[in-house]
Every structure is written in C-alpha cells, then in structure tokens.
Amino acid sequence: MMVGVGGTGKSTVAKLAAYIQDCHFMKPHISRGYQNFEFREDLKKACMNAGIKGEKVVFFLTDNIVKVRIANSSEGDSKLKNKMYSIHVISCLVLNG
C-alpha cells in the first residue's frame, strides 16, 4: 500500500516496481459510467489472471475508486463493501459473480 498526496508519483513507482518484478500492471479505467459491476469485473479479471493463469499481477486502486465507487455503492452491494474492507475479496467475486 502506498499513501501520499496526489501527483507525487505513486502510480509511476507502482508501474516501475511491476515492470522490475515482471508483473502485469492492471489499473481500472474510470469513466462516468464506471460502476460496481465494472469494478467487480476488473477485479475478477485480475484474480483470474493471478490464480488460474499464474501471472504476477499488480492491481492498482486509487483513492477515488475506493471512496466513491465502493463506499457509495447501493445497499445491494453491501456484501462487496464488507468484503473489500476486510480484504476477503475473492470469495465474494467467485461465489456471487
């Protein structure tokens, strides 16, 4: 986990570290219509690449994704919020998706 003020190079450092370690760098591309379904699909793809294909994966999340997209999800997505907050993501993705 990297914490810092925006514009300090966290993304650049993460990309460099992923390259040095021969990891696949995945960062969700946020658009106006990006919602929890798209987030779940991006995260599922990263987990499948890491688990099934055996790739080394860096899944880069910004504070905007966590604060806005996950925290403001609907009541129906409370399971996803709880799983994300407790870092038990995979069972929520595979069993419900």
PDB file of N, CA and C in Angstrom:
ATOM      1  N   MET A   1       0.841  -1.160   0.000  1.00  0.00           N
ATOM      2  CA  MET A   1       0.000   0.000   0.000  1.00  0.00           C
ATOM      3  C   MET A   1       0.892   1.231   0.000  1.00  0.00           C
ATOM      4  N   MET A   2       0.543   2.169  -0.869  1.00  0.00           N
ATOM      5  CA  MET A   2       1.249   3.443  -0.920  1.00  0.00           C
ATOM      6  C   MET A   2       0.266   4.551  -0.576  1.00  0.00           C
ATOM      7  N   VAL A   3       0.707   5.447   0.270  1.00  0.00           N
ATOM      8  CA  VAL A   3      -0.124   6.568   0.673  1.00  0.00           C
ATOM      9  C   VAL A   3       0.651   7.849   0.397  1.00  0.00           C
ATOM     10  N   GLY A   4      -0.036   8.831  -0.165  1.00  0.00           N
ATOM     11  CA  GLY A   4       0.617  10.104  -0.420  1.00  0.00           C
ATOM     12  C   GLY A   4      -0.324  11.056  -1.119  1.00  0.00           C
ATOM     13  N   VAL A   5       0.097  12.289  -1.188  1.00  0.00           N
ATOM     14  CA  VAL A   5      -0.680  13.332  -1.841  1.00  0.00           C
ATOM     15  C   VAL A   5      -0.715  13.063  -3.344  1.00  0.00           C
ATOM     16  N   GLY A   6      -1.846  13.395  -3.979  1.00  0.00           N
ATOM     17  CA  GLY A   6      -1.970  13.206  -5.415  1.00  0.00           C
ATOM     18  C   GLY A   6      -0.873  13.918  -6.178  1.00  0.00           C
ATOM     19  N   GLY A   7      -0.385  13.275  -7.238  1.00  0.00           N
ATOM     20  CA  GLY A   7       0.644  13.878  -8.067  1.00  0.00           C
ATOM     21  C   GLY A   7       2.060  13.651  -7.582  1.00  0.00           C
ATOM     22  N   THR A   8       2.245  12.738  -6.629  1.00  0.00           N
ATOM     23  CA  THR A   8       3.587  12.501  -6.089  1.00  0.00           C
ATOM     24  C   THR A   8       4.279  11.302  -6.721  1.00  0.00           C
ATOM     25  N   GLY A   9       3.639  10.648  -7.692  1.00  0.00           N
ATOM     26  CA  GLY A   9       4.301   9.572  -8.417  1.00  0.00           C
ATOM     27  C   GLY A   9       4.016   8.166  -7.936  1.00  0.00           C
ATOM     28  N   LYS A  10       2.948   7.980  -7.181  1.00  0.00           N
ATOM     29  CA  LYS A  10       2.628   6.629  -6.683  1.00  0.00           C
ATOM     30  C   LYS A  10       2.371   5.662  -7.837  1.00  0.00           C
ATOM     31  N   SER A  11       1.628   6.104  -8.821  1.00  0.00           N
ATOM     32  CA  SER A  11       1.326   5.252  -9.969  1.00  0.00           C
ATOM     33  C   SER A  11       2.597   4.910 -10.743  1.00  0.00           C
ATOM     34  N   THR A  12       3.456   5.880 -10.926  1.00  0.00           N
ATOM     35  CA  THR A  12       4.711   5.657 -11.646  1.00  0.00           C
ATOM     36  C   THR A  12       5.593   4.662 -10.913  1.00  0.00           C
ATOM     37  N   VAL A  13       5.699   4.809  -9.603  1.00  0.00           N
ATOM     38  CA  VAL A  13       6.517   3.890  -8.805  1.00  0.00           C
ATOM     39  C   VAL A  13       5.932   2.481  -8.847  1.00  0.00           C
ATOM     40  N   ALA A  14       4.608   2.380  -8.774  1.00  0.00           N
ATOM     41  CA  ALA A  14       3.964   1.064  -8.832  1.00  0.00           C
ATOM     42  C   ALA A  14       4.188   0.409 -10.191  1.00  0.00           C
ATOM     43  N   LYS A  15       4.087   1.189 -11.272  1.00  0.00           N
ATOM     44  CA  LYS A  15       4.342   0.641 -12.616  1.00  0.00           C
ATOM     45  C   LYS A  15       5.789   0.185 -12.750  1.00  0.00           C
ATOM     46  N   LEU A  16       6.717   0.974 -12.232  1.00  0.00           N
ATOM     47  CA  LEU A  16       8.131   0.610 -12.288  1.00  0.00           C
ATOM     48  C   LEU A  16       8.395  -0.671 -11.494  1.00  0.00           C
ATOM     49  N   ALA A  17       7.829  -0.752 -10.295  1.00  0.00           N
ATOM     50  CA  ALA A  17       8.009  -1.954  -9.472  1.00  0.00           C
ATOM     51  C   ALA A  17       7.409  -3.177 -10.163  1.00  0.00           C
ATOM     52  N   ALA A  18       6.244  -3.016 -10.788  1.00  0.00           N
ATOM     53  CA  ALA A  18       5.619  -4.129 -11.514  1.00  0.00           C
ATOM     54  C   ALA A  18       6.507  -4.569 -12.670  1.00  0.00           C
ATOM     55  N   TYR A  19       7.061  -3.625 -13.384  1.00  0.00           N
ATOM     56  CA  TYR A  19       7.949  -3.940 -14.508  1.00  0.00           C
ATOM     57  C   TYR A  19       9.201  -4.673 -14.029  1.00  0.00           C
ATOM     58  N   ILE A  20       9.801  -4.173 -12.962  1.00  0.00           N
ATOM     59  CA  ILE A  20      11.028  -4.789 -12.441  1.00  0.00           C
ATOM     60  C   ILE A  20      10.756  -6.221 -11.991  1.00  0.00           C
ATOM     61  N   GLN A  21       9.593  -6.462 -11.392  1.00  0.00           N
ATOM     62  CA  GLN A  21       9.247  -7.796 -10.900  1.00  0.00           C
ATOM     63  C   GLN A  21       8.528  -8.647 -11.950  1.00  0.00           C
ATOM     64  N   ASP A  22       8.437  -8.147 -13.182  1.00  0.00           N
ATOM     65  CA  ASP A  22       7.782  -8.853 -14.284  1.00  0.00           C
ATOM     66  C   ASP A  22       6.317  -9.173 -13.960  1.00  0.00           C
ATOM     67  N   CYS A  23       5.621  -8.171 -13.443  1.00  0.00           N
ATOM     68  CA  CYS A  23       4.208  -8.308 -13.091  1.00  0.00           C
ATOM     69  C   CYS A  23       3.346  -7.591 -14.134  1.00  0.00           C
ATOM     70  N   HIS A  24       2.144  -8.078 -14.279  1.00  0.00           N
ATOM     71  CA  HIS A  24       1.158  -7.425 -15.132  1.00  0.00           C
ATOM     72  C   HIS A  24       0.502  -6.310 -14.323  1.00  0.00           C
ATOM     73  N   PHE A  25       0.590  -5.064 -14.806  1.00  0.00           N
ATOM     74  CA  PHE A  25       0.046  -3.909 -14.094  1.00  0.00           C
ATOM     75  C   PHE A  25      -1.372  -3.660 -14.581  1.00  0.00           C
ATOM     76  N   MET A  26      -2.333  -3.723 -13.678  1.00  0.00           N
ATOM     77  CA  MET A  26      -3.732  -3.508 -14.034  1.00  0.00           C
ATOM     78  C   MET A  26      -4.280  -2.353 -13.203  1.00  0.00           C
ATOM     79  N   LYS A  27      -4.816  -1.357 -13.894  1.00  0.00           N
ATOM     80  CA  LYS A  27      -5.437  -0.206 -13.235  1.00  0.00           C
ATOM     81  C   LYS A  27      -6.785   0.025 -13.899  1.00  0.00           C
ATOM     82  N   PRO A  28      -7.865  -0.037 -13.140  1.00  0.00           N
ATOM     83  CA  PRO A  28      -9.181   0.200 -13.739  1.00  0.00           C
ATOM     84  C   PRO A  28      -9.255   1.584 -14.384  1.00  0.00           C
ATOM     85  N   HIS A  29      -9.857   1.636 -15.554  1.00  0.00           N
ATOM     86  CA  HIS A  29     -10.036   2.900 -16.262  1.00  0.00           C
ATOM     87  C   HIS A  29     -11.409   3.449 -15.897  1.00  0.00           C
ATOM     88  N   ILE A  30     -11.402   4.478 -15.093  1.00  0.00           N
ATOM     89  CA  ILE A  30     -12.636   5.043 -14.559  1.00  0.00           C
ATOM     90  C   ILE A  30     -13.243   5.999 -15.581  1.00  0.00           C
ATOM     91  N   SER A  31     -14.512   5.821 -15.823  1.00  0.00           N
ATOM     92  CA  SER A  31     -15.262   6.736 -16.672  1.00  0.00           C
ATOM     93  C   SER A  31     -16.544   7.101 -15.943  1.00  0.00           C
ATOM     94  N   ARG A  32     -17.328   7.934 -16.548  1.00  0.00           N
ATOM     95  CA  ARG A  32     -18.560   8.383 -15.900  1.00  0.00           C
ATOM     96  C   ARG A  32     -19.491   7.207 -15.592  1.00  0.00           C
ATOM     97  N   GLY A  33     -19.551   6.227 -16.469  1.00  0.00           N
ATOM     98  CA  GLY A  33     -20.444   5.091 -16.279  1.00  0.00           C
ATOM     99  C   GLY A  33     -19.844   3.939 -15.493  1.00  0.00           C
ATOM    100  N   TYR A  34     -18.631   4.105 -14.986  1.00  0.00           N
ATOM    101  CA  TYR A  34     -17.969   3.032 -14.248  1.00  0.00           C
ATOM    102  C   TYR A  34     -18.669   2.839 -12.911  1.00  0.00           C
ATOM    103  N   GLN A  35     -19.202   1.658 -12.719  1.00  0.00           N
ATOM    104  CA  GLN A  35     -19.956   1.357 -11.500  1.00  0.00           C
ATOM    105  C   GLN A  35     -19.374   0.110 -10.847  1.00  0.00           C
ATOM    106  N   ASN A  36     -20.054  -0.389  -9.841  1.00  0.00           N
ATOM    107  CA  ASN A  36     -19.566  -1.546  -9.094  1.00  0.00           C
ATOM    108  C   ASN A  36     -19.471  -2.806  -9.956  1.00  0.00           C
ATOM    109  N   PHE A  37     -20.370  -2.960 -10.932  1.00  0.00           N
ATOM    110  CA  PHE A  37     -20.296  -4.137 -11.798  1.00  0.00           C
ATOM    111  C   PHE A  37     -18.970  -4.148 -12.559  1.00  0.00           C
ATOM    112  N   GLU A  38     -18.602  -3.008 -13.126  1.00  0.00           N
ATOM    113  CA  GLU A  38     -17.352  -2.920 -13.875  1.00  0.00           C
ATOM    114  C   GLU A  38     -16.153  -3.138 -12.959  1.00  0.00           C
ATOM    115  N   PHE A  39     -16.244  -2.576 -11.734  1.00  0.00           N
ATOM    116  CA  PHE A  39     -15.166  -2.774 -10.769  1.00  0.00           C
ATOM    117  C   PHE A  39     -15.008  -4.257 -10.441  1.00  0.00           C
ATOM    118  N   ARG A  40     -16.132  -4.920 -10.189  1.00  0.00           N
ATOM    119  CA  ARG A  40     -16.079  -6.354  -9.877  1.00  0.00           C
ATOM    120  C   ARG A  40     -15.473  -7.143 -11.028  1.00  0.00           C
ATOM    121  N   GLU A  41     -15.826  -6.786 -12.262  1.00  0.00           N
ATOM    122  CA  GLU A  41     -15.281  -7.488 -13.432  1.00  0.00           C
ATOM    123  C   GLU A  41     -13.776  -7.250 -13.562  1.00  0.00           C
ATOM    124  N   ASP A  42     -13.319  -6.009 -13.342  1.00  0.00           N
ATOM    125  CA  ASP A  42     -11.883  -5.721 -13.389  1.00  0.00           C
ATOM    126  C   ASP A  42     -11.139  -6.497 -12.321  1.00  0.00           C
ATOM    127  N   LEU A  43     -11.692  -6.524 -11.110  1.00  0.00           N
ATOM    128  CA  LEU A  43     -11.051  -7.240 -10.018  1.00  0.00           C
ATOM    129  C   LEU A  43     -11.074  -8.748 -10.261  1.00  0.00           C
ATOM    130  N   LYS A  44     -12.177  -9.239 -10.809  1.00  0.00           N
ATOM    131  CA  LYS A  44     -12.270 -10.662 -11.119  1.00  0.00           C
ATOM    132  C   LYS A  44     -11.222 -11.052 -12.163  1.00  0.00           C
ATOM    133  N   LYS A  45     -11.044 -10.191 -13.172  1.00  0.00           N
ATOM    134  CA  LYS A  45     -10.045 -10.467 -14.204  1.00  0.00           C
ATOM    135  C   LYS A  45      -8.645 -10.537 -13.595  1.00  0.00           C
ATOM    136  N   ALA A  46      -8.343  -9.619 -12.688  1.00  0.00           N
ATOM    137  CA  ALA A  46      -7.027  -9.627 -12.035  1.00  0.00           C
ATOM    138  C   ALA A  46      -6.843 -10.897 -11.210  1.00  0.00           C
ATOM    139  N   CYS A  47      -7.876 -11.298 -10.480  1.00  0.00           N
ATOM    140  CA  CYS A  47      -7.791 -12.509  -9.652  1.00  0.00           C
ATOM    141  C   CYS A  47      -7.661 -13.763 -10.509  1.00  0.00           C
ATOM    142  N   MET A  48      -8.385 -13.807 -11.613  1.00  0.00           N
ATOM    143  CA  MET A  48      -8.295 -14.965 -12.513  1.00  0.00           C
ATOM    144  C   MET A  48      -6.908 -15.050 -13.148  1.00  0.00           C
ATOM    145  N   ASN A  49      -6.358 -13.904 -13.562  1.00  0.00           N
ATOM    146  CA  ASN A  49      -5.014 -13.902 -14.136  1.00  0.00           C
ATOM    147  C   ASN A  49      -3.988 -14.388 -13.124  1.00  0.00           C
ATOM    148  N   ALA A  50      -4.146 -13.963 -11.886  1.00  0.00           N
ATOM    149  CA  ALA A  50      -3.193 -14.364 -10.851  1.00  0.00           C
ATOM    150  C   ALA A  50      -3.394 -15.815 -10.436  1.00  0.00           C
ATOM    151  N   GLY A  51      -4.646 -16.229 -10.255  1.00  0.00           N
ATOM    152  CA  GLY A  51      -4.910 -17.566  -9.736  1.00  0.00           C
ATOM    153  C   GLY A  51      -4.879 -18.661 -10.768  1.00  0.00           C
ATOM    154  N   ILE A  52      -5.544 -18.472 -11.882  1.00  0.00           N
ATOM    155  CA  ILE A  52      -5.655 -19.530 -12.885  1.00  0.00           C
ATOM    156  C   ILE A  52      -4.484 -19.511 -13.852  1.00  0.00           C
ATOM    157  N   LYS A  53      -4.144 -18.336 -14.363  1.00  0.00           N
ATOM    158  CA  LYS A  53      -3.050 -18.245 -15.333  1.00  0.00           C
ATOM    159  C   LYS A  53      -1.684 -18.219 -14.661  1.00  0.00           C
ATOM    160  N   GLY A  54      -1.668 -17.961 -13.360  1.00  0.00           N
ATOM    161  CA  GLY A  54      -0.404 -17.949 -12.625  1.00  0.00           C
ATOM    162  C   GLY A  54       0.447 -16.716 -12.879  1.00  0.00           C
ATOM    163  N   GLU A  55      -0.154 -15.656 -13.378  1.00  0.00           N
ATOM    164  CA  GLU A  55       0.584 -14.427 -13.635  1.00  0.00           C
ATOM    165  C   GLU A  55       0.797 -13.665 -12.330  1.00  0.00           C
ATOM    166  N   LYS A  56       1.872 -12.908 -12.290  1.00  0.00           N
ATOM    167  CA  LYS A  56       2.066 -11.975 -11.186  1.00  0.00           C
ATOM    168  C   LYS A  56       1.336 -10.695 -11.573  1.00  0.00           C
ATOM    169  N   VAL A  57       0.434 -10.244 -10.712  1.00  0.00           N
ATOM    170  CA  VAL A  57      -0.437  -9.128 -11.045  1.00  0.00           C
ATOM    171  C   VAL A  57      -0.352  -8.042  -9.972  1.00  0.00           C
ATOM    172  N   VAL A  58      -0.275  -6.806 -10.428  1.00  0.00           N
ATOM    173  CA  VAL A  58      -0.424  -5.643  -9.555  1.00  0.00           C
ATOM    174  C   VAL A  58      -1.742  -4.996  -9.946  1.00  0.00           C
ATOM    175  N   PHE A  59      -2.687  -4.943  -9.007  1.00  0.00           N
ATOM    176  CA  PHE A  59      -3.987  -4.308  -9.241  1.00  0.00           C
ATOM    177  C   PHE A  59      -3.961  -2.976  -8.509  1.00  0.00           C
ATOM    178  N   PHE A  60      -3.840  -1.899  -9.270  1.00  0.00           N
ATOM    179  CA  PHE A  60      -3.625  -0.568  -8.712  1.00  0.00           C
ATOM    180  C   PHE A  60      -4.954   0.152  -8.532  1.00  0.00           C
ATOM    181  N   LEU A  61      -5.286   0.457  -7.291  1.00  0.00           N
ATOM    182  CA  LEU A  61      -6.512   1.187  -6.988  1.00  0.00           C
ATOM    183  C   LEU A  61      -6.166   2.579  -6.492  1.00  0.00           C
ATOM    184  N   THR A  62      -6.925   3.550  -6.954  1.00  0.00           N
ATOM    185  CA  THR A  62      -6.754   4.902  -6.453  1.00  0.00           C
ATOM    186  C   THR A  62      -7.756   5.159  -5.334  1.00  0.00           C
ATOM    187  N   ASP A  63      -7.538   6.214  -4.592  1.00  0.00           N
ATOM    188  CA  ASP A  63      -8.467   6.550  -3.526  1.00  0.00           C
ATOM    189  C   ASP A  63      -9.847   6.871  -4.083  1.00  0.00           C
ATOM    190  N   ASN A  64      -9.920   7.380  -5.311  1.00  0.00           N
ATOM    191  CA  ASN A  64     -11.212   7.697  -5.929  1.00  0.00           C
ATOM    192  C   ASN A  64     -12.066   6.445  -6.107  1.00  0.00           C
ATOM    193  N   ILE A  65     -11.469   5.367  -6.524  1.00  0.00           N
ATOM    194  CA  ILE A  65     -12.219   4.124  -6.718  1.00  0.00           C
ATOM    195  C   ILE A  65     -12.761   3.629  -5.386  1.00  0.00           C
ATOM    196  N   VAL A  66     -11.915   3.615  -4.370  1.00  0.00           N
ATOM    197  CA  VAL A  66     -12.330   3.097  -3.074  1.00  0.00           C
ATOM    198  C   VAL A  66     -13.365   3.998  -2.422  1.00  0.00           C
ATOM    199  N   LYS A  67     -13.117   5.292  -2.396  1.00  0.00           N
ATOM    200  CA  LYS A  67     -14.026   6.214  -1.710  1.00  0.00           C
ATOM    201  C   LYS A  67     -15.350   6.380  -2.428  1.00  0.00           C
ATOM    202  N   VAL A  68     -15.297   6.630  -3.712  1.00  0.00           N
ATOM    203  CA  VAL A  68     -16.512   6.982  -4.439  1.00  0.00           C
ATOM    204  C   VAL A  68     -17.260   5.755  -4.931  1.00  0.00           C
ATOM    205  N   ARG A  69     -16.601   4.858  -5.609  1.00  0.00           N
ATOM    206  CA  ARG A  69     -17.282   3.729  -6.247  1.00  0.00           C
ATOM    207  C   ARG A  69     -17.695   2.654  -5.256  1.00  0.00           C
ATOM    208  N   ILE A  70     -16.847   2.342  -4.295  1.00  0.00           N
ATOM    209  CA  ILE A  70     -17.164   1.266  -3.359  1.00  0.00           C
ATOM    210  C   ILE A  70     -17.978   1.798  -2.187  1.00  0.00           C
ATOM    211  N   ALA A  71     -17.536   2.890  -1.592  1.00  0.00           N
ATOM    212  CA  ALA A  71     -18.220   3.408  -0.403  1.00  0.00           C
ATOM    213  C   ALA A  71     -19.635   3.872  -0.713  1.00  0.00           C
ATOM    214  N   ASN A  72     -19.894   4.354  -1.915  1.00  0.00           N
ATOM    215  CA  ASN A  72     -21.218   4.854  -2.271  1.00  0.00           C
ATOM    216  C   ASN A  72     -22.057   3.825  -3.012  1.00  0.00           C
ATOM    217  N   SER A  73     -21.678   2.559  -2.918  1.00  0.00           N
ATOM    218  CA  SER A  73     -22.434   1.527  -3.629  1.00  0.00           C
ATOM    219  C   SER A  73     -23.812   1.364  -2.990  1.00  0.00           C
ATOM    220  N   SER A  74     -24.694   0.732  -3.733  1.00  0.00           N
ATOM    221  CA  SER A  74     -26.063   0.556  -3.259  1.00  0.00           C
ATOM    222  C   SER A  74     -26.124  -0.434  -2.106  1.00  0.00           C
ATOM    223  N   GLU A  75     -27.253  -0.475  -1.461  1.00  0.00           N
ATOM    224  CA  GLU A  75     -27.449  -1.389  -0.332  1.00  0.00           C
ATOM    225  C   GLU A  75     -27.259  -2.829  -0.768  1.00  0.00           C
ATOM    226  N   GLY A  76     -27.608  -3.140  -2.024  1.00  0.00           N
ATOM    227  CA  GLY A  76     -27.445  -4.492  -2.537  1.00  0.00           C
ATOM    228  C   GLY A  76     -25.997  -4.913  -2.658  1.00  0.00           C
ATOM    229  N   ASP A  77     -25.086  -3.942  -2.687  1.00  0.00           N
ATOM    230  CA  ASP A  77     -23.673  -4.255  -2.796  1.00  0.00           C
ATOM    231  C   ASP A  77     -22.966  -4.194  -1.448  1.00  0.00           C
ATOM    232  N   SER A  78     -23.714  -4.273  -0.356  1.00  0.00           N
ATOM    233  CA  SER A  78     -23.091  -4.198   0.961  1.00  0.00           C
ATOM    234  C   SER A  78     -22.141  -5.363   1.191  1.00  0.00           C
ATOM    235  N   LYS A  79     -22.431  -6.505   0.590  1.00  0.00           N
ATOM    236  CA  LYS A  79     -21.537  -7.653   0.722  1.00  0.00           C
ATOM    237  C   LYS A  79     -20.179  -7.336   0.092  1.00  0.00           C
ATOM    238  N   LEU A  80     -20.209  -6.678  -1.081  1.00  0.00           N
ATOM    239  CA  LEU A  80     -18.960  -6.290  -1.733  1.00  0.00           C
ATOM    240  C   LEU A  80     -18.189  -5.303  -0.870  1.00  0.00           C
ATOM    241  N   LYS A  81     -18.886  -4.323  -0.310  1.00  0.00           N
ATOM    242  CA  LYS A  81     -18.209  -3.347   0.554  1.00  0.00           C
ATOM    243  C   LYS A  81     -17.555  -4.044   1.731  1.00  0.00           C
ATOM    244  N   ASN A  82     -18.279  -4.934   2.390  1.00  0.00           N
ATOM    245  CA  ASN A  82     -17.731  -5.629   3.551  1.00  0.00           C
ATOM    246  C   ASN A  82     -16.528  -6.476   3.164  1.00  0.00           C
ATOM    247  N   LYS A  83     -16.624  -7.150   2.043  1.00  0.00           N
ATOM    248  CA  LYS A  83     -15.513  -7.978   1.591  1.00  0.00           C
ATOM    249  C   LYS A  83     -14.294  -7.125   1.263  1.00  0.00           C
ATOM    250  N   MET A  84     -14.513  -5.992   0.583  1.00  0.00           N
ATOM    251  CA  MET A  84     -13.395  -5.124   0.239  1.00  0.00           C
ATOM    252  C   MET A  84     -12.741  -4.565   1.493  1.00  0.00           C
ATOM    253  N   TYR A  85     -13.553  -4.131   2.436  1.00  0.00           N
ATOM    254  CA  TYR A  85     -12.997  -3.533   3.642  1.00  0.00           C
ATOM    255  C   TYR A  85     -12.239  -4.553   4.479  1.00  0.00           C
ATOM    256  N   SER A  86     -12.618  -5.802   4.419  1.00  0.00           N
ATOM    257  CA  SER A  86     -11.914  -6.817   5.203  1.00  0.00           C
ATOM    258  C   SER A  86     -10.891  -7.585   4.371  1.00  0.00           C
ATOM    259  N   ILE A  87     -10.720  -7.203   3.114  1.00  0.00           N
ATOM    260  CA  ILE A  87      -9.735  -7.766   2.203  1.00  0.00           C
ATOM    261  C   ILE A  87      -9.991  -9.250   1.899  1.00  0.00           C
ATOM    262  N   HIS A  88     -11.224  -9.675   1.986  1.00  0.00           N
ATOM    263  CA  HIS A  88     -11.600 -11.036   1.609  1.00  0.00           C
ATOM    264  C   HIS A  88     -12.408 -10.944   0.325  1.00  0.00           C
ATOM    265  N   VAL A  89     -11.756 -10.570  -0.758  1.00  0.00           N
ATOM    266  CA  VAL A  89     -12.442 -10.201  -1.984  1.00  0.00           C
ATOM    267  C   VAL A  89     -12.835 -11.415  -2.827  1.00  0.00           C
ATOM    268  N   ILE A  90     -11.980 -12.400  -2.909  1.00  0.00           N
ATOM    269  CA  ILE A  90     -12.129 -13.445  -3.907  1.00  0.00           C
ATOM    270  C   ILE A  90     -13.415 -14.243  -3.742  1.00  0.00           C
ATOM    271  N   SER A  91     -13.780 -14.617  -2.539  1.00  0.00           N
ATOM    272  CA  SER A  91     -15.000 -15.410  -2.370  1.00  0.00           C
ATOM    273  C   SER A  91     -16.233 -14.636  -2.806  1.00  0.00           C
ATOM    274  N   CYS A  92     -16.266 -13.341  -2.587  1.00  0.00           N
ATOM    275  CA  CYS A  92     -17.394 -12.513  -2.998  1.00  0.00           C
ATOM    276  C   CYS A  92     -17.480 -12.480  -4.519  1.00  0.00           C
ATOM    277  N   LEU A  93     -16.358 -12.410  -5.203  1.00  0.00           N
ATOM    278  CA  LEU A  93     -16.373 -12.325  -6.654  1.00  0.00           C
ATOM    279  C   LEU A  93     -16.783 -13.645  -7.286  1.00  0.00           C
ATOM    280  N   VAL A  94     -16.211 -14.727  -6.815  1.00  0.00           N
ATOM    281  CA  VAL A  94     -16.434 -16.024  -7.442  1.00  0.00           C
ATOM    282  C   VAL A  94     -17.818 -16.582  -7.099  1.00  0.00           C
ATOM    283  N   LEU A  95     -18.211 -16.482  -5.849  1.00  0.00           N
ATOM    284  CA  LEU A  95     -19.482 -17.070  -5.452  1.00  0.00           C
ATOM    285  C   LEU A  95     -20.679 -16.280  -5.943  1.00  0.00           C
ATOM    286  N   ASN A  96     -20.542 -14.961  -6.086  1.00  0.00           N
ATOM    287  CA  ASN A  96     -21.682 -14.141  -6.469  1.00  0.00           C
ATOM    288  C   ASN A  96     -21.600 -13.618  -7.886  1.00  0.00           C
ATOM    289  N   GLY A  97     -20.598 -13.922  -8.613  1.00  0.00           N
ATOM    290  CA  GLY A  97     -20.467 -13.294  -9.916  1.00  0.00           C
ATOM    291  C   GLY A  97     -20.361 -14.262 -11.006  1.00  0.00           C
TER     292      GLY A  97
END
